[in-house]
Amino acid sequence: MAHLAWVILGFQAVWFSCAWGVSHAMPLLPISAAIIYLAVFFLFQKNRQQAILFLAKTCLLGMAIDTTLSATGLIQFHAAYPKPFAVIQPWWMTILWLSFGASFELSFTWLRHRPYVAFFLGSIFGPVAYYSGTVFEVIYPLQTIGLIALGLCWGLTMILMLRWLAPMLIPLPNISDNNPSSSDQ
């Protein structure tokens, strides 16, 4: 239970340090928070190679989503990079995607057999997280179409990440199997 609390609260600390640190020109704050969070994540990993692969996929997916939505004008990050590179996902969003990937297994494993719920939750809370960035002025205010696009992307992201995570998970027992085992007879 303490590990789950660390995962959830640690991710929130990284998110806040990115939003607050970037908005106050303190880049070492999000970098330091991410290093600590990811170090603890790897400390608890039994299969570090699978974890690295999962984080790499998550990070690349996030970069593709944020860069595509930024290039199309659906989301805009404040002063991420000079033109013509301004459409590229900012460095601190890479930190957030890595940290989100690190939090994913313990936070969302319960959704592995519930793809519709995963899609629904991703489509609601993904845009909420981005919208929250507007409070810190690290993301320009989002238009409705941008929120809808984020919702679709995040809904699909949740399903895709659950599929990527599946090989790393211990199979759940089949609780619908009502056949008594041989030891029960």
Protein backbone atom coordinates (compact mmCIF):
# COMPACT_ATOMS: atom_id res chain seq x y z
CA MET A 1 0.00 0.00 0.00
CA ALA A 2 2.87 2.37 0.75
CA HIS A 3 4.31 1.67 -2.70
CA LEU A 4 0.98 2.56 -4.35
CA ALA A 5 0.81 5.77 -2.30
CA TRP A 6 4.36 6.63 -3.42
CA VAL A 7 3.46 6.00 -7.07
CA ILE A 8 0.36 8.19 -6.98
CA LEU A 9 1.69 11.00 -4.79
CA GLY A 10 5.10 10.90 -6.48
CA PHE A 11 3.56 11.33 -9.91
CA GLN A 12 1.47 14.25 -8.66
CA ALA A 13 4.64 15.81 -7.22
CA VAL A 14 6.39 15.46 -10.59
CA TRP A 15 3.37 16.95 -12.38
CA PHE A 16 3.25 19.92 -9.99
CA SER A 17 7.02 20.43 -10.17
CA CYS A 18 6.84 20.50 -13.97
CA ALA A 19 3.95 22.96 -14.08
CA TRP A 20 5.21 25.21 -11.30
CA GLY A 21 8.91 24.89 -12.10
CA VAL A 22 8.46 25.70 -15.79
CA SER A 23 6.10 28.61 -15.09
CA HIS A 24 8.62 30.07 -12.62
CA ALA A 25 11.73 29.44 -14.78
CA MET A 26 13.07 26.78 -12.40
CA PRO A 27 13.99 23.88 -14.72
CA LEU A 28 15.98 22.02 -12.08
CA LEU A 29 12.82 21.45 -10.01
CA PRO A 30 11.06 19.16 -12.52
CA ILE A 31 14.33 17.51 -13.53
CA SER A 32 15.20 16.72 -9.89
CA ALA A 33 11.69 15.48 -9.09
CA ALA A 34 11.70 13.20 -12.14
CA ILE A 35 15.15 11.77 -11.35
CA ILE A 36 14.05 10.87 -7.82
CA TYR A 37 10.69 9.47 -8.96
CA LEU A 38 12.17 7.37 -11.76
CA ALA A 39 15.03 6.14 -9.55
CA VAL A 40 12.52 4.81 -7.02
CA PHE A 41 10.46 3.34 -9.87
CA PHE A 42 13.47 1.37 -11.14
CA LEU A 43 14.39 0.32 -7.61
CA PHE A 44 11.13 -1.68 -7.43
CA GLN A 45 11.31 -3.16 -10.94
CA LYS A 46 11.88 -6.89 -11.25
CA ASN A 47 12.40 -6.74 -15.01
CA ARG A 48 14.14 -3.47 -15.81
CA GLN A 49 14.44 -4.24 -19.53
CA GLN A 50 10.66 -4.56 -19.90
CA ALA A 51 10.18 -1.42 -17.81
CA ILE A 52 12.61 0.54 -20.00
CA LEU A 53 10.84 -0.68 -23.14
CA PHE A 54 7.45 0.27 -21.70
CA LEU A 55 8.68 3.76 -20.74
CA ALA A 56 10.30 4.24 -24.14
CA LYS A 57 7.06 3.32 -25.93
CA THR A 58 5.07 5.59 -23.61
CA CYS A 59 7.46 8.49 -24.11
CA LEU A 60 7.48 8.13 -27.90
CA LEU A 61 3.68 7.88 -27.99
CA GLY A 62 3.39 11.00 -25.85
CA MET A 63 5.85 12.86 -28.04
CA ALA A 64 3.92 11.86 -31.17
CA ILE A 65 0.58 12.93 -29.66
CA ASP A 66 1.76 16.25 -28.24
CA THR A 67 3.83 17.17 -31.29
CA THR A 68 1.00 16.30 -33.70
CA LEU A 69 -1.59 18.22 -31.69
CA SER A 70 0.79 21.15 -31.35
CA ALA A 71 1.66 21.15 -35.07
CA THR A 72 -2.05 21.22 -35.94
CA GLY A 73 -2.68 24.07 -33.49
CA LEU A 74 -5.01 22.02 -31.27
CA ILE A 75 -2.74 22.57 -28.27
CA GLN A 76 0.03 25.11 -27.75
CA PHE A 77 2.75 25.08 -25.15
CA HIS A 78 4.15 28.38 -23.90
CA ALA A 79 7.59 29.18 -25.29
CA ALA A 80 8.70 25.58 -25.50
CA TYR A 81 11.30 26.11 -28.22
CA PRO A 82 12.09 28.86 -30.75
CA LYS A 83 10.49 28.69 -34.18
CA PRO A 84 10.44 26.49 -36.28
CA PHE A 85 10.79 23.94 -33.45
CA ALA A 86 7.95 25.39 -31.37
CA VAL A 87 5.60 22.56 -32.36
CA ILE A 88 7.82 19.89 -30.78
CA GLN A 89 6.72 18.58 -27.41
CA PRO A 90 8.56 20.51 -24.68
CA TRP A 91 11.19 18.75 -22.59
CA TRP A 92 9.08 18.91 -19.45
CA MET A 93 6.23 17.05 -21.20
CA THR A 94 8.74 14.28 -21.88
CA ILE A 95 9.35 14.16 -18.13
CA LEU A 96 5.60 13.91 -17.54
CA TRP A 97 5.15 11.12 -20.07
CA LEU A 98 8.02 9.12 -18.54
CA SER A 99 6.61 9.64 -15.06
CA PHE A 100 3.09 8.75 -16.19
CA GLY A 101 4.47 5.55 -17.69
CA ALA A 102 6.22 4.78 -14.39
CA SER A 103 2.96 5.27 -12.48
CA PHE A 104 0.83 3.32 -14.93
CA GLU A 105 1.22 -0.27 -13.75
CA LEU A 106 0.20 0.28 -10.15
CA SER A 107 -2.35 2.98 -10.92
CA PHE A 108 -4.19 1.36 -13.80
CA THR A 109 -3.68 -2.41 -13.74
CA TRP A 110 -7.26 -2.78 -12.52
CA LEU A 111 -8.38 -1.54 -15.96
CA ARG A 112 -6.64 -4.28 -17.95
CA HIS A 113 -9.88 -6.15 -18.69
CA ARG A 114 -12.01 -3.00 -18.89
CA PRO A 115 -11.01 -1.26 -22.15
CA TYR A 116 -14.21 0.81 -22.34
CA VAL A 117 -13.69 2.13 -18.83
CA ALA A 118 -10.01 2.81 -19.65
CA PHE A 119 -11.04 4.73 -22.77
CA PHE A 120 -13.67 6.70 -20.85
CA LEU A 121 -11.32 7.62 -17.99
CA GLY A 122 -8.51 8.56 -20.37
CA SER A 123 -10.84 10.68 -22.49
CA ILE A 124 -11.98 12.63 -19.42
CA PHE A 125 -8.89 12.93 -17.23
CA GLY A 126 -6.27 13.34 -19.97
CA PRO A 127 -7.78 16.64 -21.12
CA VAL A 128 -8.32 17.68 -17.49
CA ALA A 129 -4.58 17.32 -16.84
CA TYR A 130 -3.74 19.46 -19.88
CA TYR A 131 -6.41 22.00 -18.97
CA SER A 132 -4.87 22.21 -15.49
CA GLY A 133 -1.63 23.28 -17.16
CA THR A 134 -3.38 26.44 -18.33
CA VAL A 135 -3.65 27.53 -14.68
CA PHE A 136 0.15 27.59 -14.51
CA GLU A 137 0.34 29.21 -17.94
CA VAL A 138 2.50 26.44 -19.40
CA ILE A 139 -0.19 25.60 -21.96
CA TYR A 140 -2.28 28.18 -23.81
CA PRO A 141 -5.99 27.97 -23.06
CA LEU A 142 -7.50 25.07 -24.94
CA GLN A 143 -10.36 25.37 -27.40
CA THR A 144 -13.19 22.82 -27.38
CA ILE A 145 -11.83 21.02 -30.45
CA GLY A 146 -8.45 20.69 -28.75
CA LEU A 147 -10.07 19.17 -25.66
CA ILE A 148 -12.00 16.72 -27.85
CA ALA A 149 -8.83 15.74 -29.73
CA LEU A 150 -6.98 15.27 -26.43
CA GLY A 151 -9.86 13.15 -25.14
CA LEU A 152 -9.76 10.84 -28.14
CA CYS A 153 -5.97 10.58 -27.98
CA TRP A 154 -5.95 9.88 -24.26
CA GLY A 155 -8.75 7.33 -24.47
CA LEU A 156 -6.82 5.41 -27.11
CA THR A 157 -3.56 5.92 -25.21
CA MET A 158 -4.97 4.22 -22.13
CA ILE A 159 -6.02 1.16 -24.14
CA LEU A 160 -2.70 0.99 -25.97
CA MET A 161 -0.66 1.33 -22.79
CA LEU A 162 -2.69 -1.44 -21.14
CA ARG A 163 -1.86 -3.69 -24.09
CA TRP A 164 1.83 -2.82 -23.83
CA LEU A 165 1.74 -3.49 -20.10
CA ALA A 166 0.04 -6.91 -20.40
CA PRO A 167 3.24 -8.97 -20.86
CA MET A 168 4.65 -7.45 -17.67
CA LEU A 169 1.67 -8.43 -15.52
CA ILE A 170 0.89 -11.59 -13.61
CA PRO A 171 -2.30 -13.15 -15.04
CA LEU A 172 -5.39 -12.54 -12.96
CA PRO A 173 -7.24 -15.61 -11.70
CA ASN A 174 -10.40 -16.42 -13.63
CA ILE A 175 -13.02 -15.64 -11.01
CA SER A 176 -15.86 -16.54 -13.36
CA ASP A 177 -14.70 -20.15 -13.35
CA ASN A 178 -17.07 -21.81 -10.88
CA ASN A 179 -15.69 -25.32 -11.39
CA PRO A 180 -14.37 -26.71 -8.12
CA SER A 181 -10.73 -27.66 -8.22
CA SER A 182 -9.67 -31.25 -7.71
CA SER A 183 -8.56 -30.41 -4.18
CA ASP A 184 -12.11 -29.34 -3.31
CA GLN A 185 -13.60 -32.75 -4.16
